[in-house]
Amino acid sequence: MALKNIHSTDPFKKVVVKTFKDMYSATKVTNVKFDTNLREYSANCFQKFTFLGDKKVNAADLYENNYTMEDA
C-alpha cells in the first residue's frame, strides 16, 4: 500500500476536498491521502466539532461524477 499525501499546493486537492464535503456533509477535511494500490482517496472528516471518521472515496467515483477544476 503506497499512500501519497495530497498537499495544499496540488490544484486537484480543492476538487477532492469538495467531494468529501459534499458526500459526507463535512465542514472540515484534513489529512487527504491517495492510496495508489486501491486507487482511493482518504481523509479525516469533521462536522462542526464532531469527528466523522476516516472516510474514503474511490478515485473512479470522483472522475465518474465529472468533477473538474471549475467545481473547486
C-alpha atoms as a PDB file:
ATOM      1  CA  MET A   1       0.000   0.000   0.000  1.00  0.00           C
ATOM      2  CA  ALA A   2       1.573   3.234  -1.122  1.00  0.00           C
ATOM      3  CA  LEU A   3      -0.001   6.322   0.416  1.00  0.00           C
ATOM      4  CA  LYS A   4       0.721   9.722  -1.056  1.00  0.00           C
ATOM      5  CA  ASN A   5      -0.182  12.895   0.803  1.00  0.00           C
ATOM      6  CA  ILE A   6      -2.142  15.409  -1.239  1.00  0.00           C
ATOM      7  CA  HIS A   7      -0.612  18.777  -0.384  1.00  0.00           C
ATOM      8  CA  SER A   8      -2.364  22.128  -0.454  1.00  0.00           C
ATOM      9  CA  THR A   9      -0.204  23.156  -3.426  1.00  0.00           C
ATOM     10  CA  ASP A  10      -1.809  20.416  -5.548  1.00  0.00           C
ATOM     11  CA  PRO A  11      -4.574  22.115  -7.588  1.00  0.00           C
ATOM     12  CA  PHE A  12      -6.662  18.916  -7.600  1.00  0.00           C
ATOM     13  CA  LYS A  13      -6.891  18.953  -3.784  1.00  0.00           C
ATOM     14  CA  LYS A  14      -9.717  21.517  -3.934  1.00  0.00           C
ATOM     15  CA  VAL A  15     -11.801  19.124  -6.012  1.00  0.00           C
ATOM     16  CA  VAL A  16     -11.097  16.196  -3.685  1.00  0.00           C
ATOM     17  CA  VAL A  17     -11.938  18.214  -0.555  1.00  0.00           C
ATOM     18  CA  LYS A  18     -15.155  19.483  -2.156  1.00  0.00           C
ATOM     19  CA  THR A  19     -16.138  15.896  -2.941  1.00  0.00           C
ATOM     20  CA  PHE A  20     -15.612  14.821   0.674  1.00  0.00           C
ATOM     21  CA  LYS A  21     -17.606  17.809   1.925  1.00  0.00           C
ATOM     22  CA  ASP A  22     -20.481  17.072  -0.447  1.00  0.00           C
ATOM     23  CA  MET A  23     -20.576  13.318   0.149  1.00  0.00           C
ATOM     24  CA  TYR A  24     -20.266  13.360   3.943  1.00  0.00           C
ATOM     25  CA  SER A  25     -21.725  16.799   4.828  1.00  0.00           C
ATOM     26  CA  ALA A  26     -18.376  17.666   6.343  1.00  0.00           C
ATOM     27  CA  THR A  27     -17.406  21.175   7.330  1.00  0.00           C
ATOM     28  CA  LYS A  28     -13.674  20.426   7.634  1.00  0.00           C
ATOM     29  CA  VAL A  29     -11.494  17.906   5.796  1.00  0.00           C
ATOM     30  CA  THR A  30      -7.919  17.151   6.866  1.00  0.00           C
ATOM     31  CA  ASN A  31      -5.108  14.714   6.036  1.00  0.00           C
ATOM     32  CA  VAL A  32      -6.075  13.974   2.440  1.00  0.00           C
ATOM     33  CA  LYS A  33      -4.172  10.961   1.092  1.00  0.00           C
ATOM     34  CA  PHE A  34      -4.256   8.853  -2.054  1.00  0.00           C
ATOM     35  CA  ASP A  35      -3.721   5.085  -1.963  1.00  0.00           C
ATOM     36  CA  THR A  36      -2.062   4.171  -5.258  1.00  0.00           C
ATOM     37  CA  ASN A  37      -2.821   0.446  -4.934  1.00  0.00           C
ATOM     38  CA  LEU A  38      -6.517   0.730  -4.066  1.00  0.00           C
ATOM     39  CA  ARG A  39      -6.968   3.878  -6.186  1.00  0.00           C
ATOM     40  CA  GLU A  40      -8.909   5.721  -3.497  1.00  0.00           C
ATOM     41  CA  TYR A  41      -8.666   8.933  -1.521  1.00  0.00           C
ATOM     42  CA  SER A  42      -8.989   9.011   2.251  1.00  0.00           C
ATOM     43  CA  ALA A  43      -9.392  11.944   4.618  1.00  0.00           C
ATOM     44  CA  ASN A  44     -10.373  12.810   8.167  1.00  0.00           C
ATOM     45  CA  CYS A  45     -13.772  14.489   8.070  1.00  0.00           C
ATOM     46  CA  PHE A  46     -15.359  16.728  10.701  1.00  0.00           C
ATOM     47  CA  GLN A  47     -18.842  18.174  11.035  1.00  0.00           C
ATOM     48  CA  LYS A  48     -18.653  21.251  13.233  1.00  0.00           C
ATOM     49  CA  PHE A  49     -16.695  19.847  16.209  1.00  0.00           C
ATOM     50  CA  THR A  50     -17.659  16.197  15.709  1.00  0.00           C
ATOM     51  CA  PHE A  51     -15.169  13.767  14.168  1.00  0.00           C
ATOM     52  CA  LEU A  52     -16.933  11.770  11.434  1.00  0.00           C
ATOM     53  CA  GLY A  53     -14.028   9.399  10.922  1.00  0.00           C
ATOM     54  CA  ASP A  54     -11.549   8.462   8.263  1.00  0.00           C
ATOM     55  CA  LYS A  55     -13.703   8.470   5.125  1.00  0.00           C
ATOM     56  CA  LYS A  56     -12.828   7.085   1.707  1.00  0.00           C
ATOM     57  CA  VAL A  57     -13.747   7.997  -1.868  1.00  0.00           C
ATOM     58  CA  ASN A  58     -12.907   5.786  -4.824  1.00  0.00           C
ATOM     59  CA  ALA A  59     -10.950   7.685  -7.490  1.00  0.00           C
ATOM     60  CA  ALA A  60     -13.177   6.220 -10.222  1.00  0.00           C
ATOM     61  CA  ASP A  61     -16.257   7.674  -8.488  1.00  0.00           C
ATOM     62  CA  LEU A  62     -14.596  11.056  -8.306  1.00  0.00           C
ATOM     63  CA  TYR A  63     -13.914  11.104 -12.042  1.00  0.00           C
ATOM     64  CA  GLU A  64     -17.285   9.484 -12.833  1.00  0.00           C
ATOM     65  CA  ASN A  65     -19.117  12.373 -11.189  1.00  0.00           C
ATOM     66  CA  ASN A  66     -17.388  14.702 -13.677  1.00  0.00           C
ATOM     67  CA  TYR A  67     -15.784  16.919 -11.050  1.00  0.00           C
ATOM     68  CA  THR A  68     -13.473  19.411 -12.699  1.00  0.00           C
ATOM     69  CA  MET A  69     -11.192  22.173 -11.572  1.00  0.00           C
ATOM     70  CA  GLU A  70     -14.009  24.684 -12.161  1.00  0.00           C
ATOM     71  CA  ASP A  71     -16.068  22.956  -9.432  1.00  0.00           C
ATOM     72  CA  ALA A  72     -13.489  23.794  -6.779  1.00  0.00           C
END
